[in-house]
C-alpha atoms as a PDB file:
ATOM      1  CA  MET A   1     -11.510  -2.490   2.036  1.00  0.00           C
ATOM      2  CA  THR A   2      -9.583  -1.280  -0.994  1.00  0.00           C
ATOM      3  CA  TYR A   3      -6.113  -2.649  -1.557  1.00  0.00           C
ATOM      4  CA  VAL A   4      -3.506  -1.001  -3.748  1.00  0.00           C
ATOM      5  CA  VAL A   5      -0.739  -3.212  -5.073  1.00  0.00           C
ATOM      6  CA  MET A   6       2.242  -1.291  -6.424  1.00  0.00           C
ATOM      7  CA  ASN A   7       4.203  -3.368  -8.914  1.00  0.00           C
ATOM      8  CA  MET A   8       7.560  -1.743  -9.612  1.00  0.00           C
ATOM      9  CA  LEU A   9       8.711  -2.944 -13.016  1.00  0.00           C
ATOM     10  CA  GLN A  10      11.848  -2.678 -15.117  1.00  0.00           C
ATOM     11  CA  PHE A  11      11.216  -2.888 -18.839  1.00  0.00           C
ATOM     12  CA  GLN A  12      13.883  -4.713 -20.816  1.00  0.00           C
ATOM     13  CA  PRO A  13      15.669  -3.736 -24.052  1.00  0.00           C
ATOM     14  CA  ALA A  14      13.422  -6.181 -25.956  1.00  0.00           C
ATOM     15  CA  TRP A  15      10.467  -3.967 -24.993  1.00  0.00           C
ATOM     16  CA  LEU A  16      12.229  -0.807 -26.049  1.00  0.00           C
ATOM     17  CA  ARG A  17      12.970  -2.344 -29.468  1.00  0.00           C
ATOM     18  CA  LEU A  18       9.242  -2.775 -30.137  1.00  0.00           C
ATOM     19  CA  ASP A  19       7.501  -0.034 -32.033  1.00  0.00           C
ATOM     20  CA  ARG A  20       4.910   1.872 -30.043  1.00  0.00           C
ATOM     21  CA  SER A  21       1.948   0.210 -31.757  1.00  0.00           C
ATOM     22  CA  GLU A  22       3.252  -3.208 -30.690  1.00  0.00           C
ATOM     23  CA  ARG A  23       3.731  -1.965 -27.128  1.00  0.00           C
ATOM     24  CA  ALA A  24       0.137  -0.691 -27.194  1.00  0.00           C
ATOM     25  CA  ARG A  25      -1.077  -4.118 -28.356  1.00  0.00           C
ATOM     26  CA  VAL A  26       0.659  -5.842 -25.428  1.00  0.00           C
ATOM     27  CA  TRP A  27      -0.746  -3.275 -22.971  1.00  0.00           C
ATOM     28  CA  GLU A  28      -4.251  -3.859 -24.389  1.00  0.00           C
ATOM     29  CA  THR A  29      -3.782  -7.564 -23.591  1.00  0.00           C
ATOM     30  CA  VAL A  30      -3.042  -6.687 -19.951  1.00  0.00           C
ATOM     31  CA  LYS A  31      -6.025  -4.324 -19.790  1.00  0.00           C
ATOM     32  CA  ALA A  32      -8.282  -7.043 -21.226  1.00  0.00           C
ATOM     33  CA  LEU A  33      -7.172  -9.421 -18.470  1.00  0.00           C
ATOM     34  CA  ALA A  34      -8.031  -6.790 -15.856  1.00  0.00           C
ATOM     35  CA  ALA A  35     -11.418  -6.197 -17.486  1.00  0.00           C
ATOM     36  CA  ARG A  36     -12.372  -9.847 -16.912  1.00  0.00           C
ATOM     37  CA  ASP A  37     -12.679  -8.971 -13.207  1.00  0.00           C
ATOM     38  CA  GLU A  38     -14.651  -5.777 -12.684  1.00  0.00           C
ATOM     39  CA  GLY A  39     -12.948  -5.342  -9.297  1.00  0.00           C
ATOM     40  CA  ILE A  40      -9.489  -4.804 -10.844  1.00  0.00           C
ATOM     41  CA  ARG A  41      -8.530  -1.237 -11.736  1.00  0.00           C
ATOM     42  CA  LEU A  42      -5.172  -0.380 -13.311  1.00  0.00           C
ATOM     43  CA  ARG A  43      -3.124   2.802 -13.253  1.00  0.00           C
ATOM     44  CA  TRP A  44       0.226   3.038 -15.008  1.00  0.00           C
ATOM     45  CA  PHE A  45       3.006   5.462 -14.095  1.00  0.00           C
ATOM     46  CA  ASP A  46       6.334   6.048 -15.816  1.00  0.00           C
ATOM     47  CA  ALA A  47       9.172   6.371 -13.339  1.00  0.00           C
ATOM     48  CA  GLU A  48      12.399   6.079 -15.330  1.00  0.00           C
ATOM     49  CA  ALA A  49      13.068   9.808 -15.273  1.00  0.00           C
ATOM     50  CA  PHE A  50      12.883   9.777 -11.477  1.00  0.00           C
ATOM     51  CA  CYS A  51      14.198   6.390 -10.363  1.00  0.00           C
ATOM     52  CA  ALA A  52      17.105   4.146 -11.300  1.00  0.00           C
ATOM     53  CA  ASP A  53      15.678   1.022  -9.622  1.00  0.00           C
ATOM     54  CA  TYR A  54      12.657   0.546 -11.900  1.00  0.00           C
ATOM     55  CA  SER A  55      11.170   2.171 -14.972  1.00  0.00           C
ATOM     56  CA  ASP A  56       7.423   1.904 -14.355  1.00  0.00           C
ATOM     57  CA  ILE A  57       4.859   1.399 -11.618  1.00  0.00           C
ATOM     58  CA  LEU A  58       1.665  -0.523 -12.248  1.00  0.00           C
ATOM     59  CA  PHE A  59      -0.894   0.298  -9.556  1.00  0.00           C
ATOM     60  CA  VAL A  60      -3.601  -2.320  -9.221  1.00  0.00           C
ATOM     61  CA  GLU A  61      -6.595  -1.385  -7.080  1.00  0.00           C
ATOM     62  CA  THR A  62      -8.938  -4.095  -5.841  1.00  0.00           C
ATOM     63  CA  GLU A  63     -11.224  -5.075  -3.007  1.00  0.00           C
ATOM     64  CA  ASP A  64     -10.403  -8.743  -3.592  1.00  0.00           C
ATOM     65  CA  LEU A  65      -6.821  -9.974  -3.177  1.00  0.00           C
ATOM     66  CA  SER A  66      -7.807 -13.330  -4.653  1.00  0.00           C
ATOM     67  CA  GLY A  67      -8.952 -11.530  -7.811  1.00  0.00           C
ATOM     68  CA  TYR A  68      -5.655  -9.643  -7.907  1.00  0.00           C
ATOM     69  CA  TYR A  69      -3.755 -12.896  -7.597  1.00  0.00           C
ATOM     70  CA  MET A  70      -5.699 -14.479 -10.476  1.00  0.00           C
ATOM     71  CA  PHE A  71      -5.152 -11.366 -12.603  1.00  0.00           C
ATOM     72  CA  TRP A  72      -1.419 -11.414 -11.904  1.00  0.00           C
ATOM     73  CA  GLU A  73      -1.147 -15.133 -12.748  1.00  0.00           C
ATOM     74  CA  ALA A  74      -2.865 -14.417 -16.082  1.00  0.00           C
ATOM     75  CA  VAL A  75      -0.478 -11.527 -16.797  1.00  0.00           C
ATOM     76  CA  ARG A  76       2.486 -13.803 -16.076  1.00  0.00           C
ATOM     77  CA  ASP A  77       1.224 -16.085 -18.872  1.00  0.00           C
ATOM     78  CA  THR A  78       1.496 -13.291 -21.448  1.00  0.00           C
ATOM     79  CA  GLU A  79       4.453 -12.326 -23.601  1.00  0.00           C
ATOM     80  CA  LEU A  80       5.129  -9.503 -21.175  1.00  0.00           C
ATOM     81  CA  PHE A  81       6.851 -12.103 -19.003  1.00  0.00           C
ATOM     82  CA  SER A  82       7.571 -14.896 -21.471  1.00  0.00           C
ATOM     83  CA  VAL A  83       9.765 -12.905 -23.885  1.00  0.00           C
ATOM     84  CA  PRO A  84      10.544 -11.274 -21.312  1.00  0.00           C
ATOM     85  CA  TYR A  85       9.709  -7.627 -21.798  1.00  0.00           C
ATOM     86  CA  VAL A  86       9.577  -6.820 -18.099  1.00  0.00           C
ATOM     87  CA  GLU A  87      11.142  -7.768 -14.786  1.00  0.00           C
ATOM     88  CA  VAL A  88       9.359  -7.284 -11.474  1.00  0.00           C
ATOM     89  CA  LYS A  89      11.678  -5.343  -9.174  1.00  0.00           C
ATOM     90  CA  GLN A  90       9.452  -4.911  -6.150  1.00  0.00           C
ATOM     91  CA  ILE A  91       5.854  -5.327  -5.042  1.00  0.00           C
ATOM     92  CA  ALA A  92       4.296  -3.348  -2.214  1.00  0.00           C
ATOM     93  CA  ILE A  93       0.726  -3.450  -0.969  1.00  0.00           C
ATOM     94  CA  GLY A  94      -1.280  -0.981   1.031  1.00  0.00           C
ATOM     95  CA  VAL A  95      -4.780  -0.685   2.428  1.00  0.00           C
ATOM     96  CA  GLU A  96      -6.628   2.506   1.621  1.00  0.00           C
ATOM     97  CA  ASP A  97      -7.571   4.250   4.881  1.00  0.00           C
ATOM     98  CA  GLY A  98      -6.674   1.109   6.838  1.00  0.00           C
ATOM     99  CA  PHE A  99      -6.356   3.101  10.044  1.00  0.00           C
ATOM    100  CA  ALA A 100      -9.936   4.324   9.675  1.00  0.00           C
ATOM    101  CA  ALA A 101     -11.219   0.770   9.125  1.00  0.00           C
ATOM    102  CA  TYR A 102      -9.341  -0.308  12.239  1.00  0.00           C
ATOM    103  CA  ASP A 103     -10.797   2.565  14.272  1.00  0.00           C
ATOM    104  CA  ARG A 104     -14.329   1.630  13.145  1.00  0.00           C
ATOM    105  CA  ALA A 105     -13.760  -2.041  14.020  1.00  0.00           C
ATOM    106  CA  VAL A 106     -12.451  -1.137  17.459  1.00  0.00           C
ATOM    107  CA  ALA A 107     -15.365   1.238  18.083  1.00  0.00           C
ATOM    108  CA  GLU A 108     -17.852  -1.451  17.046  1.00  0.00           C
ATOM    109  CA  GLN A 109     -16.264  -3.820  19.548  1.00  0.00           C
ATOM    110  CA  GLY A 110     -16.480  -1.166  22.261  1.00  0.00           C
ATOM    111  CA  GLN A 111     -12.736  -1.084  22.793  1.00  0.00           C
ATOM    112  CA  VAL A 112     -10.653   1.974  23.473  1.00  0.00           C
ATOM    113  CA  THR A 113      -7.530   2.654  21.425  1.00  0.00           C
ATOM    114  CA  SER A 114      -4.397   4.174  22.892  1.00  0.00           C
ATOM    115  CA  GLU A 115      -2.841   7.198  21.274  1.00  0.00           C
END
């Protein structure tokens, strides 16, 4: 099963004061933490032009929620959170094609689903 964790983030003025090369260095630190676990895949989306509640969305894809948790704990130990450069506004999780996995499990058990 593939899980997608959507981390809605609000970057702080301290982040915006950094020059872009410094921002890139911090982002490389986060990517390096994800690379320690080959099951963690990151996708970054800017949202500030479309949403007032948060500025960015970090999508983390994984098959292992324990690995995600360890990754997130490591990220919390970086300057991203210690300065802080970012505030977590919301976290949402979803299961890719969860309905299909459920249907397969039910079929394997010989049960009938109601529609």
